[in-house]
Amino acid sequence: MNATWRGTRQPPAGPVPNAPARFDQVLAHARADNRAALATYLPAGYPTQAQSLRILHRLAEVTDVIELGWPYSEPSLDGPVIQKAAAQSLAAGFRVRHLLESIHSLAASPASVLVMAYYPPLFRYGLDRAAHDLAQAGAAGVILPDLPIEEAHGWLSAARSAGLHTVFVVAPSTHDARLTRICSAAGGMLYAPAVPGITGSTGPLHPALPAFVHRLRTVTDLPIGVGIGISTAAQAQAASRIADVTIVGSALIRAIDAAQGTCQQEEAAADFARALTAGLHRRDTPRAAA
């Protein structure tokens, strides 16, 4: 599948800005529409590279942001669902060129692309090389769930040189001074966990989540994304009332896994994302802060 967009939802009119600016624009459009943006996560190359591309393009018809995973064999934040999907991609022959191909193929779609990557594969690939190649492919930024701010200088330097956003996953236990440091280094958005622990939870959202998002808003003007543990449309709607971006991964992969046949998987992914978007408009709440 090439970079020519043939979906039903069209990209914004006018010149396409660079990828980070485009990400900012996508979120701004969602705010103007008085809704949270929807981000959906899928490991690159899952279940196979060819099928992954087809699913991603169907998702891009519905989703504001594609969070594209760089498959890794030792993911510290991911639960069984994403671990299995990443392992399936690796077993099918995933290579970094497949990730870059996937990003590039979405360049003309309406969706913006963030890459979710663990630090070890980035380091092995080469930080400067990774930042350059991801930016050239059309990624807006990289989510790094396992890189402490105290050890982030090398990556941040490479990302800034390449023009990439760096999105940090921020734990509620983070003390104020460290939180301020993270916010000053981050770009694009901050990622707030909806539940403690690893991805794939099917339980309730943490009751302290609204207070944590409010705390983040007191120290940064960056948009806030909420993910990790959002498994239903009702939870996505609840997250949308406090966040700028609602992020869903494991539940989407479950929906794809439950479908039989390649065409059915593509439709299952699009249908699942479409069901989530219906609840993301804030009809009876104030417009979210930028």
Protein backbone atom coordinates (compact mmCIF):
# COMPACT_ATOMS: atom_id res chain seq x y z
CA MET A 1 0.00 0.00 0.00
CA ASN A 2 1.54 3.31 -1.01
CA ALA A 3 1.30 6.71 0.62
CA THR A 4 -1.63 7.87 -1.52
CA TRP A 5 -4.61 8.20 0.77
CA ARG A 6 -7.78 6.50 -0.43
CA GLY A 7 -9.82 6.45 2.78
CA THR A 8 -13.21 7.99 3.32
CA ARG A 9 -12.09 10.52 5.96
CA GLN A 10 -9.90 13.14 4.32
CA PRO A 11 -6.78 14.87 5.67
CA PRO A 12 -7.12 18.53 6.70
CA ALA A 13 -7.36 20.90 3.75
CA GLY A 14 -4.34 22.96 2.77
CA PRO A 15 -0.61 22.23 2.93
CA VAL A 16 0.40 19.30 5.12
CA PRO A 17 2.72 20.61 7.87
CA ASN A 18 5.71 18.72 9.21
CA ALA A 19 4.79 15.69 11.30
CA PRO A 20 5.09 17.19 14.83
CA ALA A 21 3.15 20.28 13.75
CA ARG A 22 0.59 18.00 12.15
CA PHE A 23 0.19 16.11 15.43
CA ASP A 24 -0.40 19.41 17.23
CA GLN A 25 -2.91 20.36 14.54
CA VAL A 26 -4.80 17.07 14.85
CA LEU A 27 -5.22 17.64 18.60
CA ALA A 28 -6.20 21.26 18.03
CA HIS A 29 -8.92 20.16 15.61
CA ALA A 30 -10.27 17.73 18.20
CA ARG A 31 -10.35 20.48 20.82
CA ALA A 32 -12.15 22.79 18.40
CA ASP A 33 -14.70 20.03 17.93
CA ASN A 34 -15.09 19.85 21.73
CA ARG A 35 -13.92 16.25 21.96
CA ALA A 36 -10.94 14.18 22.94
CA ALA A 37 -8.77 12.85 20.15
CA LEU A 38 -8.66 9.07 19.77
CA ALA A 39 -5.30 7.28 19.61
CA THR A 40 -5.18 3.56 18.80
CA TYR A 41 -2.13 1.37 19.41
CA LEU A 42 -0.94 -1.47 17.20
CA PRO A 43 2.49 -3.11 17.02
CA ALA A 44 4.09 -2.65 13.61
CA GLY A 45 4.00 -5.87 11.60
CA TYR A 46 1.12 -7.41 13.57
CA PRO A 47 -0.20 -9.92 12.69
CA THR A 48 1.90 -9.76 9.50
CA GLN A 49 3.37 -6.74 7.77
CA ALA A 50 0.91 -6.85 4.87
CA GLN A 51 -2.11 -7.28 7.13
CA SER A 52 -0.79 -4.65 9.54
CA LEU A 53 -0.71 -2.07 6.75
CA ARG A 54 -4.29 -2.85 5.77
CA ILE A 55 -5.49 -2.59 9.38
CA LEU A 56 -3.58 0.65 9.96
CA HIS A 57 -5.16 2.28 6.93
CA ARG A 58 -8.62 1.27 8.07
CA LEU A 59 -7.87 2.70 11.52
CA ALA A 60 -6.64 5.93 9.97
CA GLU A 61 -10.12 6.48 8.54
CA VAL A 62 -11.47 6.75 12.09
CA THR A 63 -8.57 7.47 14.42
CA ASP A 64 -6.87 10.82 15.06
CA VAL A 65 -3.55 9.34 16.13
CA ILE A 66 -1.97 5.99 15.30
CA GLU A 67 0.34 4.83 18.08
CA LEU A 68 2.62 2.42 16.25
CA GLY A 69 4.58 0.01 18.42
CA TRP A 70 8.21 -0.94 17.76
CA PRO A 71 8.01 -4.68 18.64
CA TYR A 72 10.39 -5.70 21.40
CA SER A 73 10.89 -9.04 23.14
CA GLU A 74 11.15 -7.64 26.70
CA PRO A 75 8.44 -4.97 27.07
CA SER A 76 8.30 -3.84 30.70
CA LEU A 77 5.00 -1.93 30.49
CA ASP A 78 2.99 -4.31 28.32
CA GLY A 79 0.62 -7.02 29.47
CA PRO A 80 -0.06 -10.39 27.83
CA VAL A 81 -2.18 -9.10 24.94
CA ILE A 82 0.40 -6.68 23.57
CA GLN A 83 3.27 -9.02 24.44
CA LYS A 84 1.64 -11.74 22.33
CA ALA A 85 0.97 -9.36 19.44
CA ALA A 86 4.55 -8.08 19.45
CA ALA A 87 5.87 -11.65 19.61
CA GLN A 88 3.68 -12.55 16.64
CA SER A 89 5.13 -9.64 14.67
CA LEU A 90 8.69 -10.63 15.55
CA ALA A 91 8.00 -14.26 14.63
CA ALA A 92 6.60 -13.11 11.27
CA GLY A 93 9.94 -11.48 10.50
CA PHE A 94 9.59 -7.90 11.72
CA ARG A 95 12.46 -5.57 10.88
CA VAL A 96 12.85 -1.87 11.54
CA ARG A 97 12.32 -1.20 7.84
CA HIS A 98 8.79 -2.54 8.30
CA LEU A 99 8.15 0.08 10.98
CA LEU A 100 9.48 2.82 8.72
CA GLU A 101 7.42 1.50 5.81
CA SER A 102 4.30 1.56 7.97
CA ILE A 103 4.90 5.16 9.08
CA HIS A 104 5.59 6.29 5.53
CA SER A 105 2.50 4.56 4.20
CA LEU A 106 0.35 6.67 6.54
CA ALA A 107 1.98 9.97 5.60
CA ALA A 108 -0.95 11.12 3.47
CA SER A 109 -3.68 9.75 5.75
CA PRO A 110 -5.71 11.96 8.11
CA ALA A 111 -4.08 10.36 11.17
CA SER A 112 -0.88 11.50 12.86
CA VAL A 113 1.66 8.83 13.85
CA LEU A 114 3.49 8.41 17.15
CA VAL A 115 5.92 5.53 17.67
CA MET A 116 5.88 3.68 20.98
CA ALA A 117 9.40 2.36 21.53
CA TYR A 118 11.38 0.89 24.39
CA TYR A 119 14.84 2.32 24.86
CA PRO A 120 17.00 -0.82 24.27
CA PRO A 121 16.02 -1.31 20.60
CA LEU A 122 16.38 2.44 20.02
CA PHE A 123 19.86 2.35 21.56
CA ARG A 124 20.90 -0.67 19.51
CA TYR A 125 19.69 0.95 16.31
CA GLY A 126 21.50 4.16 17.20
CA LEU A 127 19.78 7.16 18.77
CA ASP A 128 20.70 9.67 16.06
CA ARG A 129 19.95 7.19 13.30
CA ALA A 130 16.61 6.20 14.87
CA ALA A 131 15.49 9.79 15.34
CA HIS A 132 16.50 10.70 11.80
CA ASP A 133 14.89 7.66 10.17
CA LEU A 134 11.64 7.95 12.13
CA ALA A 135 11.37 11.66 11.33
CA GLN A 136 12.12 11.08 7.66
CA ALA A 137 9.44 8.39 7.51
CA GLY A 138 6.88 10.84 8.89
CA ALA A 139 6.57 10.10 12.61
CA ALA A 140 5.52 13.01 14.79
CA GLY A 141 7.27 11.73 17.89
CA VAL A 142 8.22 8.82 20.09
CA ILE A 143 6.62 7.58 23.31
CA LEU A 144 9.31 6.21 25.63
CA PRO A 145 7.81 4.39 28.64
CA ASP A 146 11.11 3.11 30.08
CA LEU A 147 13.47 6.09 29.74
CA PRO A 148 13.98 8.04 32.99
CA ILE A 149 14.34 11.77 32.52
CA GLU A 150 17.69 11.56 34.32
CA GLU A 151 19.04 9.35 31.52
CA ALA A 152 17.27 10.95 28.59
CA HIS A 153 19.84 13.51 27.44
CA GLY A 154 21.18 11.46 24.52
CA TRP A 155 17.76 10.67 23.12
CA LEU A 156 16.39 14.17 23.69
CA SER A 157 19.33 15.66 21.82
CA ALA A 158 18.78 13.28 18.89
CA ALA A 159 15.02 13.85 18.87
CA ARG A 160 15.34 17.63 18.94
CA SER A 161 17.86 17.57 16.10
CA ALA A 162 15.45 15.46 14.05
CA GLY A 163 12.42 17.57 15.03
CA LEU A 164 10.57 14.80 16.90
CA HIS A 165 8.29 15.14 19.91
CA THR A 166 9.28 13.04 22.93
CA VAL A 167 6.29 11.79 24.93
CA PHE A 168 6.96 10.60 28.48
CA VAL A 169 4.74 8.23 30.45
CA VAL A 170 4.30 9.92 33.83
CA ALA A 171 3.48 7.98 37.00
CA PRO A 172 1.18 9.57 39.62
CA SER A 173 3.91 9.00 42.22
CA THR A 174 6.26 11.42 40.44
CA HIS A 175 7.26 14.23 42.82
CA ASP A 176 6.73 17.84 41.79
CA ALA A 177 10.33 18.78 41.00
CA ARG A 178 10.83 15.75 38.77
CA LEU A 179 7.45 16.27 37.15
CA THR A 180 8.41 19.82 36.24
CA ARG A 181 11.64 18.55 34.72
CA ILE A 182 9.79 15.93 32.64
CA CYS A 183 7.26 18.46 31.41
CA SER A 184 9.96 20.90 30.33
CA ALA A 185 11.65 18.18 28.24
CA ALA A 186 8.50 16.61 26.78
CA GLY A 187 6.80 17.51 23.53
CA GLY A 188 3.48 16.77 21.88
CA MET A 189 1.70 15.52 24.98
CA LEU A 190 2.16 13.76 28.30
CA TYR A 191 0.96 10.19 28.77
CA ALA A 192 -0.93 9.51 32.00
CA PRO A 193 -1.74 5.88 32.95
CA ALA A 194 -5.43 5.24 33.58
CA VAL A 195 -4.56 2.37 35.92
CA PRO A 196 -1.34 1.43 37.72
CA GLY A 197 0.76 -1.41 36.34
CA ILE A 198 0.94 -2.90 32.86
CA THR A 199 -1.30 -2.58 29.81
CA GLY A 200 -4.34 -4.76 29.23
CA SER A 201 -6.35 -4.21 32.42
CA THR A 202 -10.08 -4.82 32.10
CA GLY A 203 -10.92 -3.40 35.52
CA PRO A 204 -12.14 0.09 36.46
CA LEU A 205 -10.11 3.22 35.88
CA HIS A 206 -8.15 4.39 38.91
CA PRO A 207 -10.33 6.70 41.05
CA ALA A 208 -7.44 9.16 41.47
CA LEU A 209 -7.00 9.61 37.70
CA PRO A 210 -8.97 12.90 37.45
CA ALA A 211 -6.93 14.41 40.28
CA PHE A 212 -3.69 13.32 38.64
CA VAL A 213 -4.66 14.84 35.28
CA HIS A 214 -5.61 18.06 37.08
CA ARG A 215 -2.21 18.05 38.78
CA LEU A 216 -0.48 17.67 35.41
CA ARG A 217 -2.43 20.62 34.04
CA THR A 218 -1.10 22.81 36.85
CA VAL A 219 2.50 22.26 35.71
CA THR A 220 2.24 22.06 31.90
CA ASP A 221 0.30 23.40 28.94
CA LEU A 222 0.97 20.20 27.00
CA PRO A 223 -2.06 18.09 26.05
CA ILE A 224 -2.68 15.10 28.30
CA GLY A 225 -3.18 11.63 26.87
CA VAL A 226 -4.76 8.92 29.03
CA GLY A 227 -4.17 5.26 28.26
CA ILE A 228 -3.17 1.91 29.80
CA GLY A 229 -6.32 0.22 31.03
CA ILE A 230 -9.00 1.71 28.79
CA SER A 231 -10.90 -1.33 27.53
CA THR A 232 -14.49 -0.20 26.87
CA ALA A 233 -16.36 2.61 25.15
CA ALA A 234 -17.64 3.77 28.55
CA GLN A 235 -14.09 4.03 29.90
CA ALA A 236 -12.98 5.88 26.77
CA GLN A 237 -15.83 8.32 27.31
CA ALA A 238 -14.87 8.80 30.96
CA ALA A 239 -11.25 9.46 29.99
CA SER A 240 -12.34 11.93 27.31
CA ARG A 241 -13.95 14.14 29.94
CA ILE A 242 -10.59 14.87 31.54
CA ALA A 243 -8.00 14.16 28.81
CA ASP A 244 -7.10 15.61 25.44
CA VAL A 245 -6.28 12.19 23.97
CA THR A 246 -7.86 8.82 24.80
CA ILE A 247 -5.50 5.93 24.03
CA VAL A 248 -6.61 2.33 23.46
CA GLY A 249 -4.39 -0.65 22.62
CA SER A 250 -5.01 -4.06 24.19
CA ALA A 251 -8.79 -3.90 23.73
CA LEU A 252 -8.31 -3.12 20.03
CA ILE A 253 -5.96 -6.08 19.63
CA ARG A 254 -8.51 -8.34 21.37
CA ALA A 255 -11.13 -7.21 18.85
CA ILE A 256 -8.78 -7.97 15.95
CA ASP A 257 -7.83 -11.36 17.41
CA ALA A 258 -11.49 -12.31 17.79
CA ALA A 259 -12.19 -11.75 14.09
CA GLN A 260 -11.84 -14.58 11.59
CA GLY A 261 -10.10 -13.82 8.30
CA THR A 262 -8.10 -10.83 7.09
CA CYS A 263 -11.02 -8.74 5.84
CA GLN A 264 -12.91 -9.36 9.06
CA GLN A 265 -9.89 -8.24 11.09
CA GLU A 266 -9.71 -4.95 9.20
CA GLU A 267 -13.42 -4.32 9.70
CA ALA A 268 -13.23 -5.32 13.37
CA ALA A 269 -10.48 -2.78 13.97
CA ALA A 270 -12.38 0.02 12.23
CA ASP A 271 -15.68 -0.88 13.91
CA PHE A 272 -14.04 -0.95 17.35
CA ALA A 273 -12.44 2.46 16.83
CA ARG A 274 -15.68 3.87 15.45
CA ALA A 275 -17.59 2.69 18.52
CA LEU A 276 -15.12 4.54 20.74
CA THR A 277 -15.32 7.82 18.85
CA ALA A 278 -19.06 8.08 19.42
CA GLY A 279 -18.52 8.85 23.10
CA LEU A 280 -15.60 11.28 22.86
CA HIS A 281 -17.60 14.47 22.30
CA ARG A 282 -18.05 16.55 25.43
CA ARG A 283 -21.60 17.73 24.84
CA ASP A 284 -22.29 18.64 28.45
CA THR A 285 -18.83 19.56 29.74
CA PRO A 286 -16.61 22.61 29.30
CA ARG A 287 -14.11 22.49 26.46
CA ALA A 288 -10.81 20.93 27.58
CA ALA A 289 -7.85 23.17 28.19
CA ALA A 290 -5.11 23.17 25.58
